[in-house]
Amino acid sequence: MIFVFTKVMEKQSIIAVADSSAETKGTLKDRYYRTLYECLLRMNLTKPAKLDDFFTLLFKSLKSDLNADRVCAFIRRLLQLSLMTDANVAAGILLIISELIYSRKDVKLMFFSQAIGLDDSDDEVSLIPNKKNTGYDSIHRDPRYTNAVASPVFELKLLS
């Protein structure tokens, strides 16, 4: 059976799941964030009037998320989306990212320590990736396992 959702139905179902999973932990929360991460690729970013609710939901969800790796993966995906959208939507995305980095000190530390290419073990610039640190995998389904902090944030260079 194939399920066909319109964009309105998809947004409403994500909001409903967000409301029901606010107090839960574990796999339901992980599935919610995986769905939200996947939904970022399918969003129609050409109609900014319809994005207000979605961006509000995204910001509140990421601000309350305890997994900093997952938040960094969302930031990387948002940076990639800002490169492909109109200037007004990209400005909104960058505003969300700046507010997330401002409100989450752990994300700020993780994000910008890897943005300059520092290795955690000996604080030297590392040009050869570690075996556990294989680089950012932008097509991975689960944002926890994308290794978003494993490589420098080249998207910022493209935006400047």
C-alpha atoms as a PDB file:
ATOM      1  CA  MET A   1       0.000   0.000   0.000  1.00  0.00           C
ATOM      2  CA  ILE A   2       1.355   3.394  -0.964  1.00  0.00           C
ATOM      3  CA  PHE A   3       0.651   6.399   1.220  1.00  0.00           C
ATOM      4  CA  VAL A   4       0.385   9.724  -0.554  1.00  0.00           C
ATOM      5  CA  PHE A   5       0.509  12.786   1.697  1.00  0.00           C
ATOM      6  CA  THR A   6       0.025  16.342   0.698  1.00  0.00           C
ATOM      7  CA  LYS A   7       2.387  18.896   2.188  1.00  0.00           C
ATOM      8  CA  VAL A   8      -0.344  20.155   4.538  1.00  0.00           C
ATOM      9  CA  MET A   9      -1.089  16.652   5.790  1.00  0.00           C
ATOM     10  CA  GLU A  10       2.619  15.962   6.271  1.00  0.00           C
ATOM     11  CA  LYS A  11       3.131  19.161   8.267  1.00  0.00           C
ATOM     12  CA  GLN A  12       0.063  18.503  10.414  1.00  0.00           C
ATOM     13  CA  SER A  13       1.118  14.936  11.143  1.00  0.00           C
ATOM     14  CA  ILE A  14       4.619  16.052  12.169  1.00  0.00           C
ATOM     15  CA  ILE A  15       3.122  18.659  14.511  1.00  0.00           C
ATOM     16  CA  ALA A  16       0.827  16.008  16.013  1.00  0.00           C
ATOM     17  CA  VAL A  17       3.733  13.626  16.559  1.00  0.00           C
ATOM     18  CA  ALA A  18       5.764  16.458  18.103  1.00  0.00           C
ATOM     19  CA  ASP A  19       2.990  17.168  20.578  1.00  0.00           C
ATOM     20  CA  SER A  20       2.584  13.511  21.503  1.00  0.00           C
ATOM     21  CA  SER A  21       6.302  12.773  21.781  1.00  0.00           C
ATOM     22  CA  ALA A  22       7.257  15.821  23.843  1.00  0.00           C
ATOM     23  CA  GLU A  23       7.404  13.839  27.077  1.00  0.00           C
ATOM     24  CA  THR A  24       8.591  10.528  25.677  1.00  0.00           C
ATOM     25  CA  LYS A  25      12.105   9.212  25.316  1.00  0.00           C
ATOM     26  CA  GLY A  26      13.745   6.477  23.320  1.00  0.00           C
ATOM     27  CA  THR A  27      12.756   5.119  19.957  1.00  0.00           C
ATOM     28  CA  LEU A  28       9.660   7.261  19.450  1.00  0.00           C
ATOM     29  CA  LYS A  29      11.722  10.412  19.928  1.00  0.00           C
ATOM     30  CA  ASP A  30      14.410   9.072  17.599  1.00  0.00           C
ATOM     31  CA  ARG A  31      11.814   8.276  14.928  1.00  0.00           C
ATOM     32  CA  TYR A  32      10.362  11.755  15.268  1.00  0.00           C
ATOM     33  CA  TYR A  33      13.728  13.395  14.668  1.00  0.00           C
ATOM     34  CA  ARG A  34      14.508  11.036  11.788  1.00  0.00           C
ATOM     35  CA  THR A  35      11.194  11.953  10.139  1.00  0.00           C
ATOM     36  CA  LEU A  36      11.816  15.640  10.697  1.00  0.00           C
ATOM     37  CA  TYR A  37      15.335  15.305   9.243  1.00  0.00           C
ATOM     38  CA  GLU A  38      14.007  13.515   6.181  1.00  0.00           C
ATOM     39  CA  CYS A  39      11.186  16.022   5.806  1.00  0.00           C
ATOM     40  CA  LEU A  40      13.712  18.836   5.400  1.00  0.00           C
ATOM     41  CA  LEU A  41      14.677  17.425   2.007  1.00  0.00           C
ATOM     42  CA  ARG A  42      11.097  17.211   0.810  1.00  0.00           C
ATOM     43  CA  MET A  43       9.938  20.638   1.947  1.00  0.00           C
ATOM     44  CA  ASN A  44       8.917  23.088  -0.732  1.00  0.00           C
ATOM     45  CA  LEU A  45      11.085  26.037   0.234  1.00  0.00           C
ATOM     46  CA  THR A  46       9.783  28.290  -2.516  1.00  0.00           C
ATOM     47  CA  LYS A  47       6.653  29.265  -0.566  1.00  0.00           C
ATOM     48  CA  PRO A  48       7.929  31.049   2.548  1.00  0.00           C
ATOM     49  CA  ALA A  49       4.441  31.865   3.844  1.00  0.00           C
ATOM     50  CA  LYS A  50       3.833  28.182   4.531  1.00  0.00           C
ATOM     51  CA  LEU A  51       7.180  27.665   6.260  1.00  0.00           C
ATOM     52  CA  ASP A  52       6.501  29.680   9.419  1.00  0.00           C
ATOM     53  CA  ASP A  53       4.879  26.816  11.324  1.00  0.00           C
ATOM     54  CA  PHE A  54       7.456  24.319  10.148  1.00  0.00           C
ATOM     55  CA  PHE A  55      10.426  26.514  11.095  1.00  0.00           C
ATOM     56  CA  THR A  56       8.864  27.205  14.501  1.00  0.00           C
ATOM     57  CA  LEU A  57       8.412  23.481  15.080  1.00  0.00           C
ATOM     58  CA  LEU A  58      11.947  22.783  13.897  1.00  0.00           C
ATOM     59  CA  PHE A  59      13.474  25.415  16.168  1.00  0.00           C
ATOM     60  CA  LYS A  60      11.548  24.293  19.261  1.00  0.00           C
ATOM     61  CA  SER A  61      12.362  20.647  18.595  1.00  0.00           C
ATOM     62  CA  LEU A  62      16.075  21.242  18.117  1.00  0.00           C
ATOM     63  CA  LYS A  63      16.320  23.577  21.073  1.00  0.00           C
ATOM     64  CA  SER A  64      14.852  20.937  23.379  1.00  0.00           C
ATOM     65  CA  ASP A  65      16.812  18.001  21.911  1.00  0.00           C
ATOM     66  CA  LEU A  66      19.442  16.568  24.257  1.00  0.00           C
ATOM     67  CA  ASN A  67      21.524  14.922  21.531  1.00  0.00           C
ATOM     68  CA  ALA A  68      24.054  17.510  20.313  1.00  0.00           C
ATOM     69  CA  ASP A  69      25.234  15.325  17.417  1.00  0.00           C
ATOM     70  CA  ARG A  70      21.712  15.231  16.053  1.00  0.00           C
ATOM     71  CA  VAL A  71      21.358  19.010  16.355  1.00  0.00           C
ATOM     72  CA  CYS A  72      24.641  19.458  14.478  1.00  0.00           C
ATOM     73  CA  ALA A  73      23.332  17.188  11.712  1.00  0.00           C
ATOM     74  CA  PHE A  74      20.221  19.335  11.424  1.00  0.00           C
ATOM     75  CA  ILE A  75      22.381  22.462  11.244  1.00  0.00           C
ATOM     76  CA  ARG A  76      24.453  20.950   8.439  1.00  0.00           C
ATOM     77  CA  ARG A  77      21.303  19.989   6.525  1.00  0.00           C
ATOM     78  CA  LEU A  78      19.865  23.484   7.032  1.00  0.00           C
ATOM     79  CA  LEU A  79      23.080  25.051   5.771  1.00  0.00           C
ATOM     80  CA  GLN A  80      22.900  22.899   2.662  1.00  0.00           C
ATOM     81  CA  LEU A  81      19.288  23.927   2.105  1.00  0.00           C
ATOM     82  CA  SER A  82      20.166  27.591   2.501  1.00  0.00           C
ATOM     83  CA  LEU A  83      22.523  27.257  -0.461  1.00  0.00           C
ATOM     84  CA  MET A  84      19.667  26.084  -2.705  1.00  0.00           C
ATOM     85  CA  THR A  85      16.878  28.507  -1.766  1.00  0.00           C
ATOM     86  CA  ASP A  86      15.930  32.105  -2.309  1.00  0.00           C
ATOM     87  CA  ALA A  87      17.643  34.796  -0.269  1.00  0.00           C
ATOM     88  CA  ASN A  88      14.683  35.421   2.054  1.00  0.00           C
ATOM     89  CA  VAL A  89      14.324  31.741   2.988  1.00  0.00           C
ATOM     90  CA  ALA A  90      18.096  31.401   3.378  1.00  0.00           C
ATOM     91  CA  ALA A  91      18.067  34.378   5.757  1.00  0.00           C
ATOM     92  CA  GLY A  92      15.368  32.689   7.827  1.00  0.00           C
ATOM     93  CA  ILE A  93      17.345  29.449   7.923  1.00  0.00           C
ATOM     94  CA  LEU A  94      20.490  31.294   9.000  1.00  0.00           C
ATOM     95  CA  LEU A  95      18.507  33.052  11.722  1.00  0.00           C
ATOM     96  CA  ILE A  96      17.319  29.693  13.062  1.00  0.00           C
ATOM     97  CA  ILE A  97      20.882  28.375  13.017  1.00  0.00           C
ATOM     98  CA  SER A  98      22.246  31.416  14.820  1.00  0.00           C
ATOM     99  CA  GLU A  99      19.572  31.179  17.522  1.00  0.00           C
ATOM    100  CA  LEU A 100      20.298  27.475  17.982  1.00  0.00           C
ATOM    101  CA  ILE A 101      24.021  28.075  18.324  1.00  0.00           C
ATOM    102  CA  TYR A 102      23.402  30.971  20.704  1.00  0.00           C
ATOM    103  CA  SER A 103      21.059  28.984  22.943  1.00  0.00           C
ATOM    104  CA  ARG A 104      22.977  25.683  22.904  1.00  0.00           C
ATOM    105  CA  LYS A 105      26.542  26.077  24.196  1.00  0.00           C
ATOM    106  CA  ASP A 106      27.308  22.364  23.697  1.00  0.00           C
ATOM    107  CA  VAL A 107      26.377  22.584  20.023  1.00  0.00           C
ATOM    108  CA  LYS A 108      28.425  25.761  19.635  1.00  0.00           C
ATOM    109  CA  LEU A 109      31.466  24.048  21.104  1.00  0.00           C
ATOM    110  CA  MET A 110      31.087  20.887  18.992  1.00  0.00           C
ATOM    111  CA  PHE A 111      30.234  22.743  15.823  1.00  0.00           C
ATOM    112  CA  PHE A 112      33.013  25.302  15.820  1.00  0.00           C
ATOM    113  CA  SER A 113      35.754  23.063  17.204  1.00  0.00           C
ATOM    114  CA  GLN A 114      35.292  20.866  14.129  1.00  0.00           C
ATOM    115  CA  ALA A 115      34.711  23.820  11.808  1.00  0.00           C
ATOM    116  CA  ILE A 116      38.368  24.780  12.092  1.00  0.00           C
ATOM    117  CA  GLY A 117      39.576  21.175  11.773  1.00  0.00           C
ATOM    118  CA  LEU A 118      40.688  20.501  15.332  1.00  0.00           C
ATOM    119  CA  ASP A 119      41.115  16.909  16.431  1.00  0.00           C
ATOM    120  CA  ASP A 120      39.839  16.275  19.978  1.00  0.00           C
ATOM    121  CA  SER A 121      42.733  14.024  20.967  1.00  0.00           C
ATOM    122  CA  ASP A 122      45.736  16.310  20.638  1.00  0.00           C
ATOM    123  CA  ASP A 123      44.336  19.726  19.586  1.00  0.00           C
ATOM    124  CA  GLU A 124      46.277  19.851  16.324  1.00  0.00           C
ATOM    125  CA  VAL A 125      44.961  20.384  12.856  1.00  0.00           C
ATOM    126  CA  SER A 126      44.061  16.989  11.432  1.00  0.00           C
ATOM    127  CA  LEU A 127      44.080  16.522   7.672  1.00  0.00           C
ATOM    128  CA  ILE A 128      43.792  12.727   7.760  1.00  0.00           C
ATOM    129  CA  PRO A 129      40.438  11.518   9.105  1.00  0.00           C
ATOM    130  CA  ASN A 130      40.382   8.938  11.874  1.00  0.00           C
ATOM    131  CA  LYS A 131      38.914   5.511  11.212  1.00  0.00           C
ATOM    132  CA  LYS A 132      35.970   6.297  13.481  1.00  0.00           C
ATOM    133  CA  ASN A 133      35.710   9.762  11.932  1.00  0.00           C
ATOM    134  CA  THR A 134      34.899   9.020   8.300  1.00  0.00           C
ATOM    135  CA  GLY A 135      33.394  12.405   7.448  1.00  0.00           C
ATOM    136  CA  TYR A 136      29.951  13.841   7.053  1.00  0.00           C
ATOM    137  CA  ASP A 137      27.399  11.540   5.439  1.00  0.00           C
ATOM    138  CA  SER A 138      24.659  13.826   4.162  1.00  0.00           C
ATOM    139  CA  ILE A 139      22.432  11.042   2.825  1.00  0.00           C
ATOM    140  CA  HIS A 140      22.222   8.985   6.002  1.00  0.00           C
ATOM    141  CA  ARG A 141      18.641   8.528   7.195  1.00  0.00           C
ATOM    142  CA  ASP A 142      19.236   8.960  10.912  1.00  0.00           C
ATOM    143  CA  PRO A 143      20.727  12.318  11.909  1.00  0.00           C
ATOM    144  CA  ARG A 144      22.507  10.782  14.906  1.00  0.00           C
ATOM    145  CA  TYR A 145      24.793   8.777  12.645  1.00  0.00           C
ATOM    146  CA  THR A 146      25.689  11.334   9.960  1.00  0.00           C
ATOM    147  CA  ASN A 147      28.999  12.327  11.612  1.00  0.00           C
ATOM    148  CA  ALA A 148      28.037  15.978  11.211  1.00  0.00           C
ATOM    149  CA  VAL A 149      30.898  17.163  13.405  1.00  0.00           C
ATOM    150  CA  ALA A 150      33.468  14.931  11.714  1.00  0.00           C
ATOM    151  CA  SER A 151      34.485  17.374   9.003  1.00  0.00           C
ATOM    152  CA  PRO A 152      34.837  21.124   8.629  1.00  0.00           C
ATOM    153  CA  VAL A 153      31.731  23.063   7.728  1.00  0.00           C
ATOM    154  CA  PHE A 154      32.456  23.961   4.120  1.00  0.00           C
ATOM    155  CA  GLU A 155      28.903  25.242   3.618  1.00  0.00           C
ATOM    156  CA  LEU A 156      29.771  28.333   5.649  1.00  0.00           C
ATOM    157  CA  LYS A 157      32.564  29.161   3.231  1.00  0.00           C
ATOM    158  CA  LEU A 158      30.158  28.962   0.314  1.00  0.00           C
ATOM    159  CA  LEU A 159      27.722  31.302   2.054  1.00  0.00           C
ATOM    160  CA  SER A 160      30.331  33.983   2.706  1.00  0.00           C
END
